[in-house]
Amino acid sequence: MAEQVEVVVVDSSVAVKWFSEEETTDKALELRDRHVSGSIAIWVSQSLYFEVVNALRFKPDYDAKKLSNAIGFLLNLHLQTAPMDRKLLSRAGEIAYDGGVTIYDATPVALAEAKKTFCVTADENTQYMKLKPKGYPIRLL
């Protein structure tokens, strides 16, 4: 019987740290490396790819070539990507209204609920502090 792998959802604030040196980058890289080694399975929403690439596009040390390389690396991680559907988006909307956050911040939390796990974020003020007190499955990186 195959061993069950821990499932974790990450949001774009964590994934951006895979490509830039920031506070808690070491913890983000540890999650990524655990995914690559197969000890955990990282799930993401489809929007994560656009959010990460957009964030990197505005980093001062990035140019078109460095961005293209980061895109290739991100896609080669083979993250488990949840398809966007009405149920996920509707739940994200409910969480967004309840928690006073954006749909972008609520979607990985809705995905974590659906996967019966938790969402890891590095966004302490605008996501974690608003959703954790309401009992949503979110952890700070």
C-alpha atoms as a PDB file:
ATOM      1  CA  MET A   1       0.000   0.000   0.000  1.00  0.00           C
ATOM      2  CA  ALA A   2       1.373   3.425  -0.956  1.00  0.00           C
ATOM      3  CA  GLU A   3       2.320   5.787   1.847  1.00  0.00           C
ATOM      4  CA  GLN A   4       0.048   8.807   2.197  1.00  0.00           C
ATOM      5  CA  VAL A   5       1.826  12.073   1.478  1.00  0.00           C
ATOM      6  CA  GLU A   6       0.969  15.198   3.452  1.00  0.00           C
ATOM      7  CA  VAL A   7      -1.022  17.697   1.372  1.00  0.00           C
ATOM      8  CA  VAL A   8      -0.413  21.420   1.755  1.00  0.00           C
ATOM      9  CA  VAL A   9      -1.823  24.409  -0.108  1.00  0.00           C
ATOM     10  CA  VAL A  10       0.456  27.402  -0.601  1.00  0.00           C
ATOM     11  CA  ASP A  11      -0.485  30.854  -1.756  1.00  0.00           C
ATOM     12  CA  SER A  12       1.456  33.194  -4.007  1.00  0.00           C
ATOM     13  CA  SER A  13       3.128  35.012  -1.102  1.00  0.00           C
ATOM     14  CA  VAL A  14       4.976  31.768  -0.343  1.00  0.00           C
ATOM     15  CA  ALA A  15       5.727  30.868  -3.964  1.00  0.00           C
ATOM     16  CA  VAL A  16       7.218  34.307  -4.703  1.00  0.00           C
ATOM     17  CA  LYS A  17       9.818  33.593  -2.020  1.00  0.00           C
ATOM     18  CA  TRP A  18      11.051  30.653  -4.103  1.00  0.00           C
ATOM     19  CA  PHE A  19      12.445  33.251  -6.516  1.00  0.00           C
ATOM     20  CA  SER A  20      13.536  36.154  -4.338  1.00  0.00           C
ATOM     21  CA  GLU A  21      15.420  36.625  -1.113  1.00  0.00           C
ATOM     22  CA  GLU A  22      12.964  37.862   1.489  1.00  0.00           C
ATOM     23  CA  GLU A  23      12.150  37.296   5.119  1.00  0.00           C
ATOM     24  CA  THR A  24      11.266  33.609   5.672  1.00  0.00           C
ATOM     25  CA  THR A  25      12.549  32.603   2.219  1.00  0.00           C
ATOM     26  CA  ASP A  26      14.329  29.693   3.916  1.00  0.00           C
ATOM     27  CA  LYS A  27      11.011  28.297   5.170  1.00  0.00           C
ATOM     28  CA  ALA A  28       9.410  28.696   1.736  1.00  0.00           C
ATOM     29  CA  LEU A  29      12.322  26.893   0.101  1.00  0.00           C
ATOM     30  CA  GLU A  30      12.024  24.087   2.636  1.00  0.00           C
ATOM     31  CA  LEU A  31       8.375  23.563   1.628  1.00  0.00           C
ATOM     32  CA  ARG A  32       9.314  23.625  -2.056  1.00  0.00           C
ATOM     33  CA  ASP A  33      12.145  21.149  -1.521  1.00  0.00           C
ATOM     34  CA  ARG A  34       9.864  18.806   0.415  1.00  0.00           C
ATOM     35  CA  HIS A  35       7.481  18.868  -2.554  1.00  0.00           C
ATOM     36  CA  VAL A  36      10.311  18.137  -4.986  1.00  0.00           C
ATOM     37  CA  SER A  37      11.502  15.218  -2.830  1.00  0.00           C
ATOM     38  CA  GLY A  38       7.954  13.832  -2.647  1.00  0.00           C
ATOM     39  CA  SER A  39       7.499  14.104   1.113  1.00  0.00           C
ATOM     40  CA  ILE A  40       4.598  16.548   0.654  1.00  0.00           C
ATOM     41  CA  ALA A  41       2.253  17.416  -2.195  1.00  0.00           C
ATOM     42  CA  ILE A  42       1.788  21.131  -2.768  1.00  0.00           C
ATOM     43  CA  TRP A  43      -1.556  22.195  -4.191  1.00  0.00           C
ATOM     44  CA  VAL A  44      -2.186  25.625  -5.692  1.00  0.00           C
ATOM     45  CA  SER A  45      -4.976  27.459  -7.437  1.00  0.00           C
ATOM     46  CA  GLN A  46      -4.609  28.291 -11.108  1.00  0.00           C
ATOM     47  CA  SER A  47      -4.352  31.972 -10.272  1.00  0.00           C
ATOM     48  CA  LEU A  48      -1.110  31.403  -8.332  1.00  0.00           C
ATOM     49  CA  TYR A  49       0.891  31.244 -11.566  1.00  0.00           C
ATOM     50  CA  PHE A  50      -0.326  34.662 -12.701  1.00  0.00           C
ATOM     51  CA  GLU A  51       0.097  36.180  -9.240  1.00  0.00           C
ATOM     52  CA  VAL A  52       3.691  34.940  -8.872  1.00  0.00           C
ATOM     53  CA  VAL A  53       4.752  35.985 -12.355  1.00  0.00           C
ATOM     54  CA  ASN A  54       3.162  39.394 -11.884  1.00  0.00           C
ATOM     55  CA  ALA A  55       4.908  39.907  -8.528  1.00  0.00           C
ATOM     56  CA  LEU A  56       8.266  38.918 -10.016  1.00  0.00           C
ATOM     57  CA  ARG A  57       7.706  41.191 -13.008  1.00  0.00           C
ATOM     58  CA  PHE A  58       7.755  44.172 -10.638  1.00  0.00           C
ATOM     59  CA  LYS A  59      10.847  43.094  -8.669  1.00  0.00           C
ATOM     60  CA  PRO A  60      13.676  45.565  -9.409  1.00  0.00           C
ATOM     61  CA  ASP A  61      16.243  42.805 -10.001  1.00  0.00           C
ATOM     62  CA  TYR A  62      14.119  41.029 -12.621  1.00  0.00           C
ATOM     63  CA  ASP A  63      14.206  41.510 -16.370  1.00  0.00           C
ATOM     64  CA  ALA A  64      12.400  39.625 -19.141  1.00  0.00           C
ATOM     65  CA  LYS A  65      15.058  36.878 -19.307  1.00  0.00           C
ATOM     66  CA  LYS A  66      15.162  36.289 -15.553  1.00  0.00           C
ATOM     67  CA  LEU A  67      11.354  36.257 -15.484  1.00  0.00           C
ATOM     68  CA  SER A  68      11.230  33.710 -18.299  1.00  0.00           C
ATOM     69  CA  ASN A  69      13.664  31.471 -16.413  1.00  0.00           C
ATOM     70  CA  ALA A  70      11.551  31.739 -13.258  1.00  0.00           C
ATOM     71  CA  ILE A  71       8.424  30.827 -15.222  1.00  0.00           C
ATOM     72  CA  GLY A  72      10.117  27.707 -16.566  1.00  0.00           C
ATOM     73  CA  PHE A  73      11.256  26.707 -13.089  1.00  0.00           C
ATOM     74  CA  LEU A  74       7.792  27.316 -11.605  1.00  0.00           C
ATOM     75  CA  LEU A  75       6.101  25.192 -14.252  1.00  0.00           C
ATOM     76  CA  ASN A  76       8.677  22.415 -13.838  1.00  0.00           C
ATOM     77  CA  LEU A  77       7.812  22.071 -10.156  1.00  0.00           C
ATOM     78  CA  HIS A  78       4.703  20.168 -11.244  1.00  0.00           C
ATOM     79  CA  LEU A  79       2.571  21.619  -8.475  1.00  0.00           C
ATOM     80  CA  GLN A  80      -0.829  20.022  -8.038  1.00  0.00           C
ATOM     81  CA  THR A  81      -3.112  22.602  -9.630  1.00  0.00           C
ATOM     82  CA  ALA A  82      -6.799  22.698  -8.812  1.00  0.00           C
ATOM     83  CA  PRO A  83      -9.064  23.552 -11.719  1.00  0.00           C
ATOM     84  CA  MET A  84     -11.094  26.679 -11.241  1.00  0.00           C
ATOM     85  CA  ASP A  85     -14.752  25.802 -10.913  1.00  0.00           C
ATOM     86  CA  ARG A  86     -17.960  27.312  -9.590  1.00  0.00           C
ATOM     87  CA  LYS A  87     -17.765  25.540  -6.220  1.00  0.00           C
ATOM     88  CA  LEU A  88     -14.205  26.736  -5.472  1.00  0.00           C
ATOM     89  CA  LEU A  89     -14.866  30.295  -6.623  1.00  0.00           C
ATOM     90  CA  SER A  90     -18.162  30.497  -4.756  1.00  0.00           C
ATOM     91  CA  ARG A  91     -16.520  29.322  -1.540  1.00  0.00           C
ATOM     92  CA  ALA A  92     -13.673  31.785  -2.086  1.00  0.00           C
ATOM     93  CA  GLY A  93     -16.282  34.522  -2.412  1.00  0.00           C
ATOM     94  CA  GLU A  94     -17.893  33.517   0.883  1.00  0.00           C
ATOM     95  CA  ILE A  95     -14.518  33.512   2.637  1.00  0.00           C
ATOM     96  CA  ALA A  96     -13.574  36.855   1.079  1.00  0.00           C
ATOM     97  CA  TYR A  97     -16.753  38.530   2.332  1.00  0.00           C
ATOM     98  CA  ASP A  98     -16.569  36.904   5.760  1.00  0.00           C
ATOM     99  CA  GLY A  99     -12.888  37.667   6.286  1.00  0.00           C
ATOM    100  CA  GLY A 100     -12.646  41.013   4.539  1.00  0.00           C
ATOM    101  CA  VAL A 101      -9.964  39.771   2.140  1.00  0.00           C
ATOM    102  CA  THR A 102      -9.547  39.627  -1.627  1.00  0.00           C
ATOM    103  CA  ILE A 103     -10.701  36.727  -3.763  1.00  0.00           C
ATOM    104  CA  TYR A 104      -7.001  36.129  -4.471  1.00  0.00           C
ATOM    105  CA  ASP A 105      -6.362  35.668  -0.734  1.00  0.00           C
ATOM    106  CA  ALA A 106      -9.498  33.611  -0.164  1.00  0.00           C
ATOM    107  CA  THR A 107      -9.068  31.137  -3.037  1.00  0.00           C
ATOM    108  CA  PRO A 108      -6.141  29.130  -1.601  1.00  0.00           C
ATOM    109  CA  VAL A 109      -7.970  28.956   1.725  1.00  0.00           C
ATOM    110  CA  ALA A 110     -11.072  27.611  -0.034  1.00  0.00           C
ATOM    111  CA  LEU A 111      -8.842  25.090  -1.800  1.00  0.00           C
ATOM    112  CA  ALA A 112      -7.327  24.061   1.539  1.00  0.00           C
ATOM    113  CA  GLU A 113     -10.831  23.442   2.889  1.00  0.00           C
ATOM    114  CA  ALA A 114     -11.670  21.330  -0.148  1.00  0.00           C
ATOM    115  CA  LYS A 115      -8.469  19.299   0.270  1.00  0.00           C
ATOM    116  CA  LYS A 116      -9.049  18.965   4.030  1.00  0.00           C
ATOM    117  CA  THR A 117      -5.700  20.545   4.830  1.00  0.00           C
ATOM    118  CA  PHE A 118      -4.364  24.045   5.475  1.00  0.00           C
ATOM    119  CA  CYS A 119      -3.119  26.974   3.448  1.00  0.00           C
ATOM    120  CA  VAL A 120       0.370  28.318   4.131  1.00  0.00           C
ATOM    121  CA  THR A 121       0.770  32.054   3.644  1.00  0.00           C
ATOM    122  CA  ALA A 122       3.472  34.625   4.277  1.00  0.00           C
ATOM    123  CA  ASP A 123       0.888  37.400   4.166  1.00  0.00           C
ATOM    124  CA  GLU A 124       0.486  38.051   7.866  1.00  0.00           C
ATOM    125  CA  ASN A 125      -1.431  41.335   7.943  1.00  0.00           C
ATOM    126  CA  THR A 126      -3.885  41.220   5.060  1.00  0.00           C
ATOM    127  CA  GLN A 127      -4.633  37.507   5.046  1.00  0.00           C
ATOM    128  CA  TYR A 128      -3.517  35.508   8.090  1.00  0.00           C
ATOM    129  CA  MET A 129      -4.599  37.982  10.784  1.00  0.00           C
ATOM    130  CA  LYS A 130      -8.025  38.354   9.177  1.00  0.00           C
ATOM    131  CA  LEU A 131      -8.775  34.689   8.498  1.00  0.00           C
ATOM    132  CA  LYS A 132      -7.144  32.750  11.348  1.00  0.00           C
ATOM    133  CA  PRO A 133      -9.340  34.302  14.084  1.00  0.00           C
ATOM    134  CA  LYS A 134     -12.396  33.193  12.100  1.00  0.00           C
ATOM    135  CA  GLY A 135     -11.238  29.571  12.168  1.00  0.00           C
ATOM    136  CA  TYR A 136     -10.166  29.176   8.569  1.00  0.00           C
ATOM    137  CA  PRO A 137      -7.474  26.565   7.807  1.00  0.00           C
ATOM    138  CA  ILE A 138      -4.519  28.907   7.412  1.00  0.00           C
ATOM    139  CA  ARG A 139      -1.000  28.880   8.820  1.00  0.00           C
ATOM    140  CA  LEU A 140       1.717  31.469   8.744  1.00  0.00           C
ATOM    141  CA  LEU A 141       4.952  30.485   7.026  1.00  0.00           C
END
